[in-house]
Amino acid sequence: MPIDGSEVVVVVTYGSRDLTRLHQLEDELDAAARAANAGELDGDEVALDGSQASFYMKAKNAGLLIKAIHPVLVSHEFSRSARVNSRS
């Protein structure tokens, strides 16, 4: 999949050291991005105390990727207020 060099960063407030729900979100974000042919997951970072997590996604089209992952973010209570930014 050609990537346009954009990156989309999703930051969520989490608040737990149990990363099960974060891994589920990560899998769903990647699946939604790939299904829309808009990008793919590139990695993540989680604070040691579990307070916050960041997901890094390569974008074929940043706008399309953000649109594709939005339903996933709102489907989880802890990610409904996620901060989503794109950068080149």
C-alpha atoms as a PDB file:
ATOM      1  CA  MET A   1       0.000   0.000   0.000  1.00  0.00           C
ATOM      2  CA  PRO A   2       1.614   3.316  -0.982  1.00  0.00           C
ATOM      3  CA  ILE A   3       1.777   5.659   1.965  1.00  0.00           C
ATOM      4  CA  ASP A   4       1.772   9.446   1.396  1.00  0.00           C
ATOM      5  CA  GLY A   5       4.191  10.170   4.239  1.00  0.00           C
ATOM      6  CA  SER A   6       1.538  11.400   6.630  1.00  0.00           C
ATOM      7  CA  GLU A   7       1.200  10.074  10.124  1.00  0.00           C
ATOM      8  CA  VAL A   8      -1.919  10.065  12.249  1.00  0.00           C
ATOM      9  CA  VAL A   9      -1.411  10.020  16.007  1.00  0.00           C
ATOM     10  CA  VAL A  10      -4.231   8.943  18.319  1.00  0.00           C
ATOM     11  CA  VAL A  11      -3.810   9.744  22.020  1.00  0.00           C
ATOM     12  CA  VAL A  12      -6.212   8.267  24.581  1.00  0.00           C
ATOM     13  CA  THR A  13      -6.507   8.668  28.327  1.00  0.00           C
ATOM     14  CA  TYR A  14      -6.617   5.142  29.680  1.00  0.00           C
ATOM     15  CA  GLY A  15      -5.996   4.804  33.408  1.00  0.00           C
ATOM     16  CA  SER A  16      -5.177   1.123  33.857  1.00  0.00           C
ATOM     17  CA  ARG A  17      -2.153  -1.152  33.775  1.00  0.00           C
ATOM     18  CA  ASP A  18      -4.332  -3.909  32.274  1.00  0.00           C
ATOM     19  CA  LEU A  19      -3.622  -3.400  28.581  1.00  0.00           C
ATOM     20  CA  THR A  20      -6.226  -5.853  27.269  1.00  0.00           C
ATOM     21  CA  ARG A  21      -8.661  -3.165  26.097  1.00  0.00           C
ATOM     22  CA  LEU A  22      -5.817  -1.120  24.563  1.00  0.00           C
ATOM     23  CA  HIS A  23      -4.684  -4.107  22.513  1.00  0.00           C
ATOM     24  CA  GLN A  24      -8.260  -4.640  21.359  1.00  0.00           C
ATOM     25  CA  LEU A  25      -8.511  -0.981  20.316  1.00  0.00           C
ATOM     26  CA  GLU A  26      -5.179  -1.215  18.527  1.00  0.00           C
ATOM     27  CA  ASP A  27      -6.333  -4.261  16.535  1.00  0.00           C
ATOM     28  CA  GLU A  28      -9.622  -2.555  15.637  1.00  0.00           C
ATOM     29  CA  LEU A  29      -7.890   0.653  14.525  1.00  0.00           C
ATOM     30  CA  ASP A  30      -5.543  -1.296  12.265  1.00  0.00           C
ATOM     31  CA  ALA A  31      -8.400  -3.369  10.813  1.00  0.00           C
ATOM     32  CA  ALA A  32     -10.507  -0.254  10.095  1.00  0.00           C
ATOM     33  CA  ALA A  33      -7.575   1.526   8.455  1.00  0.00           C
ATOM     34  CA  ARG A  34      -6.746  -1.451   6.252  1.00  0.00           C
ATOM     35  CA  ALA A  35     -10.391  -2.114   5.346  1.00  0.00           C
ATOM     36  CA  ALA A  36     -10.707   1.483   4.134  1.00  0.00           C
ATOM     37  CA  ASN A  37      -7.367   1.180   2.313  1.00  0.00           C
ATOM     38  CA  ALA A  38      -6.407   4.375   4.152  1.00  0.00           C
ATOM     39  CA  GLY A  39      -3.353   3.322   6.135  1.00  0.00           C
ATOM     40  CA  GLU A  40      -2.036   0.997   8.792  1.00  0.00           C
ATOM     41  CA  LEU A  41      -0.911   0.869  12.402  1.00  0.00           C
ATOM     42  CA  ASP A  42       2.773   1.704  12.838  1.00  0.00           C
ATOM     43  CA  GLY A  43       3.263   1.372  16.595  1.00  0.00           C
ATOM     44  CA  ASP A  44       2.207   2.482  20.031  1.00  0.00           C
ATOM     45  CA  GLU A  45       3.411   3.915  23.317  1.00  0.00           C
ATOM     46  CA  VAL A  46       1.823   3.383  26.712  1.00  0.00           C
ATOM     47  CA  ALA A  47       2.714   5.305  29.871  1.00  0.00           C
ATOM     48  CA  LEU A  48       4.200   3.028  32.534  1.00  0.00           C
ATOM     49  CA  ASP A  49       1.266   3.738  34.846  1.00  0.00           C
ATOM     50  CA  GLY A  50      -1.257   3.093  32.055  1.00  0.00           C
ATOM     51  CA  SER A  51      -2.604   6.630  32.251  1.00  0.00           C
ATOM     52  CA  GLN A  52      -2.233   7.385  28.542  1.00  0.00           C
ATOM     53  CA  ALA A  53      -1.577   5.589  25.279  1.00  0.00           C
ATOM     54  CA  SER A  54      -0.577   6.809  21.831  1.00  0.00           C
ATOM     55  CA  PHE A  55      -1.119   4.945  18.581  1.00  0.00           C
ATOM     56  CA  TYR A  56       0.914   5.865  15.519  1.00  0.00           C
ATOM     57  CA  MET A  57      -0.576   5.166  12.102  1.00  0.00           C
ATOM     58  CA  LYS A  58       0.874   5.540   8.625  1.00  0.00           C
ATOM     59  CA  ALA A  59      -1.622   7.214   6.339  1.00  0.00           C
ATOM     60  CA  LYS A  60      -2.250   6.682   2.670  1.00  0.00           C
ATOM     61  CA  ASN A  61      -4.665   9.588   3.018  1.00  0.00           C
ATOM     62  CA  ALA A  62      -4.803  11.204   6.473  1.00  0.00           C
ATOM     63  CA  GLY A  63      -8.356  12.529   6.105  1.00  0.00           C
ATOM     64  CA  LEU A  64      -9.684   9.170   4.955  1.00  0.00           C
ATOM     65  CA  LEU A  65      -7.810   7.378   7.732  1.00  0.00           C
ATOM     66  CA  ILE A  66      -9.255   9.647  10.410  1.00  0.00           C
ATOM     67  CA  LYS A  67     -12.748   9.134   9.006  1.00  0.00           C
ATOM     68  CA  ALA A  68     -12.225   5.346   8.942  1.00  0.00           C
ATOM     69  CA  ILE A  69     -11.048   5.067  12.554  1.00  0.00           C
ATOM     70  CA  HIS A  70     -13.590   7.470  14.078  1.00  0.00           C
ATOM     71  CA  PRO A  71     -16.334   4.814  14.561  1.00  0.00           C
ATOM     72  CA  VAL A  72     -13.810   2.579  16.337  1.00  0.00           C
ATOM     73  CA  LEU A  73     -12.769   5.365  18.698  1.00  0.00           C
ATOM     74  CA  VAL A  74     -16.343   6.232  19.682  1.00  0.00           C
ATOM     75  CA  SER A  75     -17.207   2.573  20.263  1.00  0.00           C
ATOM     76  CA  HIS A  76     -14.937   2.405  23.335  1.00  0.00           C
ATOM     77  CA  GLU A  77     -15.746   4.549  26.352  1.00  0.00           C
ATOM     78  CA  PHE A  78     -12.094   5.333  27.122  1.00  0.00           C
ATOM     79  CA  SER A  79     -11.305   6.494  23.569  1.00  0.00           C
ATOM     80  CA  ARG A  80     -14.349   8.661  22.841  1.00  0.00           C
ATOM     81  CA  SER A  81     -12.418  11.799  23.743  1.00  0.00           C
ATOM     82  CA  ALA A  82      -9.227  10.742  21.973  1.00  0.00           C
ATOM     83  CA  ARG A  83      -7.029  13.435  20.471  1.00  0.00           C
ATOM     84  CA  VAL A  84      -6.348  12.711  16.811  1.00  0.00           C
ATOM     85  CA  ASN A  85      -3.694  14.652  14.917  1.00  0.00           C
ATOM     86  CA  SER A  86      -2.115  14.259  11.521  1.00  0.00           C
ATOM     87  CA  ARG A  87       1.343  15.373  10.529  1.00  0.00           C
ATOM     88  CA  SER A  88       3.545  15.026   7.489  1.00  0.00           C
END
